[in-house]
Protein backbone atom coordinates (compact mmCIF):
# COMPACT_ATOMS: atom_id res chain seq x y z
CA MET A 1 124.01 157.83 159.04
CA LYS A 2 125.52 154.27 158.75
CA GLN A 3 128.39 154.08 156.28
CA ASP A 4 128.99 150.99 154.22
CA ASN A 5 132.33 149.12 154.93
CA TYR A 6 132.83 149.08 151.10
CA PRO A 7 131.51 152.16 149.49
CA TYR A 8 132.85 150.86 146.21
CA GLU A 9 132.45 147.28 144.28
CA PRO A 10 135.44 145.03 145.43
CA GLU A 11 137.92 144.22 142.91
CA PHE A 12 137.57 140.84 141.19
CA SER A 13 140.49 138.47 141.92
CA PHE A 14 141.07 135.14 140.28
CA LYS A 15 143.41 134.30 143.19
CA LYS A 16 140.55 134.78 145.72
CA VAL A 17 138.21 132.75 143.62
CA ILE A 18 140.56 129.79 143.21
CA GLY A 19 141.45 130.06 146.90
CA GLU A 20 137.78 129.96 147.77
CA GLN A 21 137.24 126.80 145.51
CA TRP A 22 140.35 125.19 147.20
CA ASP A 23 138.87 125.71 150.50
CA ASN A 24 135.77 123.82 149.29
CA VAL A 25 137.80 121.03 148.07
CA LEU A 26 139.76 120.59 151.15
CA TYR A 27 136.30 120.75 153.11
CA LEU A 28 134.85 118.07 150.99
CA TRP A 29 138.13 115.95 151.37
CA SER A 30 137.66 116.18 155.17
CA ARG A 31 134.10 115.02 154.60
CA LYS A 32 135.15 112.08 152.42
CA LEU A 33 133.37 109.47 154.44
CA ASN A 34 130.10 111.29 154.15
CA LEU A 35 130.71 111.77 150.20
CA PHE A 36 131.43 107.75 150.28
CA VAL A 37 128.21 106.97 152.18
CA PHE A 38 126.33 109.21 149.61
CA GLY A 39 127.98 107.33 146.76
CA ILE A 40 127.09 104.01 148.16
CA ILE A 41 123.40 105.01 148.67
CA GLY A 42 123.23 106.22 145.10
CA ALA A 43 124.91 103.02 143.72
CA LEU A 44 122.27 101.09 145.73
CA LEU A 45 119.47 103.35 144.11
CA GLY A 46 120.93 102.62 140.71
CA ILE A 47 120.93 98.86 141.08
CA THR A 48 117.40 99.10 142.41
CA TYR A 49 116.46 101.02 139.32
CA ALA A 50 118.09 98.64 136.88
CA TRP A 51 116.43 95.64 138.81
CA PHE A 52 112.85 97.11 138.68
CA LYS A 53 112.94 98.83 135.25
CA PRO A 54 111.04 96.63 132.68
CA ILE A 55 112.62 95.14 129.75
CA THR A 56 111.74 96.39 126.25
CA TYR A 57 112.20 94.89 122.86
CA THR A 58 113.14 96.68 119.69
CA SER A 59 111.73 95.61 116.38
CA ARG A 60 113.27 97.05 113.16
CA LEU A 61 111.91 96.74 109.75
CA SER A 62 113.50 98.38 106.71
CA PHE A 63 111.70 98.79 103.30
CA VAL A 64 112.12 100.67 99.98
CA VAL A 65 109.57 102.83 98.05
CA GLU A 66 110.24 102.98 94.25
CA GLU A 67 107.85 105.13 92.30
CA SER A 68 107.60 105.18 88.57
CA LYS A 69 109.13 108.56 87.06
CA SER A 70 108.54 110.27 83.76
CA GLY A 71 111.58 110.45 81.53
CA GLY A 72 111.75 114.24 81.55
CA GLY A 73 111.46 114.72 85.12
CA SER A 74 114.11 111.95 86.04
CA LEU A 75 116.48 113.31 83.65
CA LEU A 76 116.12 116.76 85.04
CA SER A 77 116.31 115.46 88.72
CA GLY A 78 119.43 113.42 87.77
CA LEU A 79 121.40 116.40 86.12
CA ALA A 80 120.50 118.68 89.06
CA GLY A 81 121.68 115.93 91.38
CA GLN A 82 125.05 115.90 89.86
CA LEU A 83 125.25 119.61 90.49
CA GLY A 84 124.26 119.19 94.22
CA PHE A 85 120.56 120.23 93.89
CA ASP A 86 117.48 118.36 94.87
CA LEU A 87 114.62 118.77 92.44
CA GLY A 88 112.59 115.72 93.67
CA GLY A 89 109.51 118.05 94.21
CA ILE A 90 109.34 118.94 90.54
CA SER A 91 110.59 115.63 88.90
CA GLY A 92 107.20 114.70 87.90
CA THR A 93 106.40 112.34 90.93
CA GLY A 94 105.03 114.95 93.17
CA GLY A 95 101.96 114.07 95.20
CA VAL A 96 100.55 113.74 98.65
CA LEU A 97 102.18 110.34 99.10
CA SER A 98 105.43 111.11 97.45
CA GLY A 99 109.03 111.27 98.96
CA ASP A 100 109.39 111.69 102.69
CA ASN A 101 105.54 111.84 103.16
CA VAL A 102 105.87 108.11 103.50
CA GLN A 103 107.20 108.65 107.17
CA GLN A 104 104.29 110.75 108.22
CA LEU A 105 101.89 108.10 106.70
CA LEU A 106 103.37 105.36 109.06
CA ARG A 107 102.95 107.73 112.06
CA SER A 108 99.43 108.61 111.12
CA HIS A 109 96.28 108.03 113.34
CA LYS A 110 94.67 106.12 110.76
CA MET A 111 97.48 103.56 110.09
CA ILE A 112 98.18 102.92 113.81
CA LYS A 113 94.40 102.67 114.46
CA ASN A 114 93.96 100.05 111.75
CA THR A 115 96.88 98.02 112.84
CA LEU A 116 95.75 98.06 116.42
CA LEU A 117 92.21 96.65 115.55
CA SER A 118 93.59 93.98 113.45
CA PRO A 119 93.86 90.32 114.96
CA PHE A 120 97.04 89.63 117.15
CA GLY A 121 97.39 85.89 116.39
CA ASP A 122 96.16 83.12 114.30
CA SER A 123 93.01 82.51 116.38
CA GLY A 124 91.68 85.94 115.38
CA ASN A 125 89.89 86.32 118.70
CA VAL A 126 92.07 88.93 120.04
CA THR A 127 93.18 92.31 118.60
CA ILE A 128 96.72 93.79 118.88
CA ALA A 129 94.95 96.53 120.99
CA ASP A 130 93.82 94.10 123.55
CA GLU A 131 97.25 92.54 123.76
CA TYR A 132 98.90 96.05 123.98
CA ALA A 133 96.40 97.05 126.69
CA ARG A 134 96.81 93.89 128.66
CA THR A 135 100.73 94.29 128.51
CA THR A 136 100.69 97.80 129.66
CA LYS A 137 97.88 96.99 132.23
CA LEU A 138 95.94 99.75 130.71
CA SER A 139 92.78 97.62 130.34
CA GLU A 140 92.71 96.81 133.85
CA LYS A 141 93.40 100.41 135.22
CA TRP A 142 90.66 101.78 132.87
CA GLY A 143 88.28 99.03 133.80
CA LYS A 144 88.57 99.61 137.48
CA LYS A 145 88.32 103.39 137.11
CA TYR A 146 85.42 103.82 134.43
CA ASN A 147 84.05 100.30 133.57
CA ASN A 148 82.99 98.86 137.18
CA GLY A 149 86.02 96.68 137.27
CA LYS A 150 85.68 94.99 133.91
CA PRO A 151 88.60 95.10 131.74
CA VAL A 152 88.09 97.15 128.51
CA HIS A 153 88.41 95.10 125.35
CA PHE A 154 88.36 95.81 121.59
CA PRO A 155 86.43 92.95 119.66
CA VAL A 156 87.73 91.83 116.26
CA GLY A 157 85.58 93.03 113.43
CA SER A 158 83.55 95.50 115.49
CA GLU A 159 82.54 98.57 113.63
CA ASN A 160 81.25 100.59 116.50
CA TYR A 161 82.98 101.06 119.67
CA THR A 162 81.89 102.79 123.03
CA ARG A 163 82.89 106.07 124.09
CA LEU A 164 85.18 104.35 126.58
CA GLN A 165 86.87 102.04 124.06
CA ASP A 166 87.52 105.02 121.81
CA SER A 167 89.05 107.03 124.56
CA LEU A 168 91.36 104.15 125.69
CA LEU A 169 92.30 103.62 121.85
CA GLN A 170 93.34 107.35 121.64
CA VAL A 171 95.53 107.09 124.51
CA ILE A 172 97.23 103.93 123.00
CA ILE A 173 97.48 105.51 119.64
CA LYS A 174 99.12 108.60 121.15
CA ARG A 175 101.52 106.72 123.38
CA ILE A 176 102.73 104.65 120.35
CA SER A 177 103.13 107.57 118.24
CA ASP A 178 104.97 109.67 120.63
CA LYS A 179 107.14 107.17 122.48
CA GLU A 180 107.27 103.72 120.92
CA LEU A 181 107.25 104.24 116.97
CA ALA A 182 110.15 105.97 114.99
CA VAL A 183 110.29 106.04 111.23
CA GLY A 184 113.28 107.53 109.38
CA LYS A 185 115.81 107.28 106.49
CA PRO A 186 119.27 105.90 107.26
CA ASP A 187 120.49 107.82 104.18
CA LYS A 188 118.83 111.00 102.84
CA LYS A 189 119.95 110.12 99.42
CA LEU A 190 118.44 106.64 99.18
CA SER A 191 114.78 105.46 99.13
CA PHE A 192 115.22 103.24 102.06
CA PHE A 193 113.12 103.62 105.21
CA GLU A 194 113.36 102.15 108.57
CA ALA A 195 110.63 101.68 110.97
CA THR A 196 111.55 101.02 114.64
CA VAL A 197 109.00 99.91 117.40
CA THR A 198 109.96 99.49 121.09
CA MET A 199 107.55 97.69 123.42
CA HIS A 200 107.58 95.60 126.60
CA ASN A 201 106.09 92.64 124.80
CA GLU A 202 108.63 90.84 122.26
CA ALA A 203 105.86 89.21 120.09
CA LEU A 204 103.62 92.29 120.25
CA ALA A 205 106.53 94.45 118.94
CA GLN A 206 107.40 92.21 116.02
CA ILE A 207 103.53 91.62 114.95
CA PHE A 208 102.72 95.51 115.42
CA THR A 209 105.71 96.30 112.75
CA ASN A 210 104.80 93.94 110.29
CA ARG A 211 101.17 94.78 110.50
CA LEU A 212 101.77 98.41 110.16
CA ILE A 213 103.93 98.11 107.30
CA GLU A 214 101.29 95.94 105.68
CA GLN A 215 98.52 98.36 106.33
CA ALA A 216 100.65 101.43 105.00
CA SER A 217 101.83 99.48 101.98
CA ARG A 218 98.40 98.70 100.85
CA PHE A 219 96.91 102.14 101.64
CA TYR A 220 99.85 103.71 99.69
CA ILE A 221 99.60 101.53 96.55
CA ASP A 222 95.92 101.99 96.55
CA THR A 223 96.05 105.76 96.87
CA LYS A 224 98.69 106.14 94.25
CA THR A 225 96.96 103.89 91.57
CA LYS A 226 93.23 104.94 92.66
CA ARG A 227 92.63 107.24 89.54
CA GLN A 228 94.16 104.87 87.00
CA ARG A 229 92.40 101.80 88.57
CA ASN A 230 88.98 103.57 88.44
CA ASN A 231 89.68 104.28 84.63
CA VAL A 232 90.48 100.51 84.14
CA ASN A 233 87.22 99.47 85.87
CA ARG A 234 85.16 101.82 83.91
CA LEU A 235 86.78 100.75 80.56
CA GLN A 236 86.32 97.03 81.71
CA ALA A 237 82.64 97.55 82.58
CA ARG A 238 82.08 99.36 79.29
CA ALA A 239 83.86 96.47 77.25
CA ASP A 240 81.55 93.96 78.97
CA SER A 241 78.54 95.92 78.18
CA ILE A 242 79.40 96.22 74.43
CA GLY A 243 80.58 92.67 74.34
CA LEU A 244 77.12 91.49 75.38
CA LEU A 245 75.35 93.79 72.84
CA LEU A 246 77.69 92.41 70.18
CA ASN A 247 76.94 89.00 71.01
CA LYS A 248 73.23 89.87 70.80
CA LYS A 249 73.65 91.52 67.51
CA THR A 250 75.68 88.48 66.04
CA TYR A 251 72.78 86.15 66.97
CA THR A 252 70.14 88.65 65.50
CA ALA A 253 72.01 88.87 62.28
CA SER A 254 72.44 85.15 62.04
CA GLU A 255 68.71 84.69 62.50
CA ALA A 256 68.00 87.37 59.83
CA ASN A 257 70.15 85.67 57.24
CA ASN A 258 68.17 82.36 57.81
CA ILE A 259 64.83 84.26 57.62
CA ILE A 260 65.71 86.05 54.20
CA LEU A 261 66.11 82.81 52.56
CA ASP A 262 62.37 82.11 52.71
CA ILE A 263 61.40 85.83 51.89
CA ASN A 264 59.63 86.42 48.36
CA PRO A 265 62.13 88.15 46.23
CA ALA A 266 59.20 90.43 44.85
CA TYR A 267 59.47 92.43 47.82
CA PRO A 268 62.16 95.20 47.21
CA THR A 269 62.82 96.07 50.95
CA ALA A 270 63.27 92.38 51.95
CA ASN A 271 67.02 92.94 52.62
CA VAL A 272 66.85 96.14 54.50
CA GLY A 273 66.28 94.50 57.83
CA ILE A 274 69.45 92.30 57.43
CA GLU A 275 71.49 95.22 56.21
CA LEU A 276 70.62 97.39 59.32
CA LYS A 277 71.50 94.56 61.60
CA GLN A 278 74.89 93.94 59.86
CA ARG A 279 75.47 97.75 60.01
CA ASP A 280 74.80 97.66 63.86
CA LYS A 281 77.02 94.82 64.26
CA ALA A 282 79.83 96.30 62.32
CA VAL A 283 79.46 99.65 64.45
CA LEU A 284 79.34 97.60 67.75
CA GLN A 285 82.58 95.72 66.45
CA THR A 286 84.45 99.02 65.83
CA ILE A 287 83.56 100.50 69.21
CA TYR A 288 84.39 97.15 71.01
CA ALA A 289 87.94 97.00 69.41
CA GLU A 290 88.64 100.65 70.44
CA ILE A 291 87.47 100.04 73.95
CA VAL A 292 89.49 96.95 74.36
CA LYS A 293 92.58 98.69 72.86
CA ASN A 294 92.09 101.60 75.23
CA LEU A 295 91.59 99.14 78.12
CA GLU A 296 94.79 97.48 77.37
CA ILE A 297 96.70 100.71 77.22
CA SER A 298 95.13 101.64 80.72
CA ARG A 299 96.18 98.37 82.27
CA THR A 300 99.75 99.10 80.91
CA MET A 301 99.67 102.67 82.52
CA LEU A 302 98.36 101.05 85.75
CA LEU A 303 101.21 98.72 86.01
CA GLN A 304 103.58 101.59 85.18
CA GLU A 305 102.12 103.95 88.04
CA THR A 306 101.97 101.16 90.64
CA PRO A 307 104.85 101.91 93.14
CA THR A 308 106.95 99.09 94.64
CA PHE A 309 106.60 98.85 98.37
CA GLN A 310 109.39 96.26 98.92
CA ILE A 311 110.36 95.07 102.47
CA VAL A 312 114.19 94.67 102.83
CA ASP A 313 114.79 93.45 106.31
CA GLU A 314 111.93 92.02 108.58
CA PRO A 315 112.10 91.62 112.40
CA GLU A 316 112.96 88.32 113.37
CA LEU A 317 112.93 86.62 117.03
CA PRO A 318 114.58 86.99 119.25
CA LEU A 319 114.42 90.85 119.02
CA LYS A 320 116.95 93.26 120.47
CA LYS A 321 116.54 93.37 124.33
CA ASN A 322 116.90 96.86 125.99
CA ARG A 323 117.89 96.54 129.56
CA THR A 324 119.75 99.03 131.74
CA GLY A 325 123.10 97.54 132.73
CA TYR A 326 123.96 97.23 136.45
CA LEU A 327 127.55 98.75 135.98
CA ILE A 328 125.99 101.82 134.30
CA SER A 329 123.48 102.18 136.89
CA ILE A 330 125.98 101.94 139.79
CA ILE A 331 128.33 104.57 138.07
CA TYR A 332 125.63 106.97 137.28
CA GLY A 333 123.84 106.38 140.66
CA GLY A 334 127.11 106.91 142.57
CA LEU A 335 128.05 110.05 140.66
CA ILE A 336 124.62 111.78 140.84
CA SER A 337 124.30 111.01 144.57
CA GLY A 338 127.96 111.90 145.36
CA ILE A 339 127.42 115.44 143.75
CA ALA A 340 124.18 115.91 145.26
CA GLY A 341 125.85 115.18 148.59
CA ALA A 342 128.78 117.54 147.92
CA LEU A 343 126.28 120.32 147.18
CA TYR A 344 124.54 119.53 150.35
CA LEU A 345 127.65 119.66 152.59
CA LEU A 346 128.77 123.05 150.91
CA LEU A 347 125.39 124.62 151.42
CA SER A 348 125.40 123.38 154.94
CA ARG A 349 128.85 124.76 155.76
CA LYS A 350 127.99 128.20 154.15
CA LYS A 351 124.73 128.19 156.19
CA VAL A 352 126.60 127.52 159.26
CA GLU A 353 129.33 130.22 158.57
CA ASN A 354 126.68 132.82 157.71
CA SER A 355 124.69 132.21 161.01
């Protein structure tokens, strides 16, 4: 029966480990020319990467959202804030579009889609989606693959798109949402938000950012004030209706007053008609006055509930240019290639020793 040379586990020794590593260092130093060649190759690859990597442009827009707050909720939130607690959720301003939900609204499928399907320039013949697909060459690629070589376009104002157009639009939306759009709050304690868009087309990045905020602000304000605005519209329609009836009753009462002058006073019921018309007119006047008063109250409440969606800083041309520096590319390329070359030399040496 064959006996093992080491019937027990060899004792660990720092000295031995350090000695082995020092041997590796000396071996690599003896192959410094090879490592230098690896580094030069990596540096050249880094320069090539920096040369061919497309330039991107970053568009930044900051805005503030200020919502109306009830007095009790604001007081409670303020007292809690002094003690280090955040009671924003129960401060009386809760809702689907309150607080940090604005960030998710900007990244939503609906907002990005509406922005992409809006006109790109002043001519109004090209959508932002068309320009994005052209810049990223997705229109040509999808056209050659799925549309018999014809580029895929998104006409302005079209309500129905083909399955191919919808599919490409989904790809564009996902790409923007995952890689090119970022929304955050520079300071969690403030109501300031910042939207950042990074694209390969400078004008496209600026227009997309502005249009996205425009779409989101309109949707945000309309949603927050929808209930109160509907109430104002109902009261306005009611006031217009009662106003027309009151005008008709006024003319009718005036005609009755003219007719009663020619009626024979021997008839005891001669004044009944005019009294009924005067009574109806008085009732309508009372109702109309109450409706107008409630309408003005509702309008005031609508103004108080309308949030402020104010842009602070807009993106201005020229935008920030993102380009990989040649020096950084040379350093990283040389280091990565040098480390890879060292590992290759050590593994080759070990393989030779074991063979």
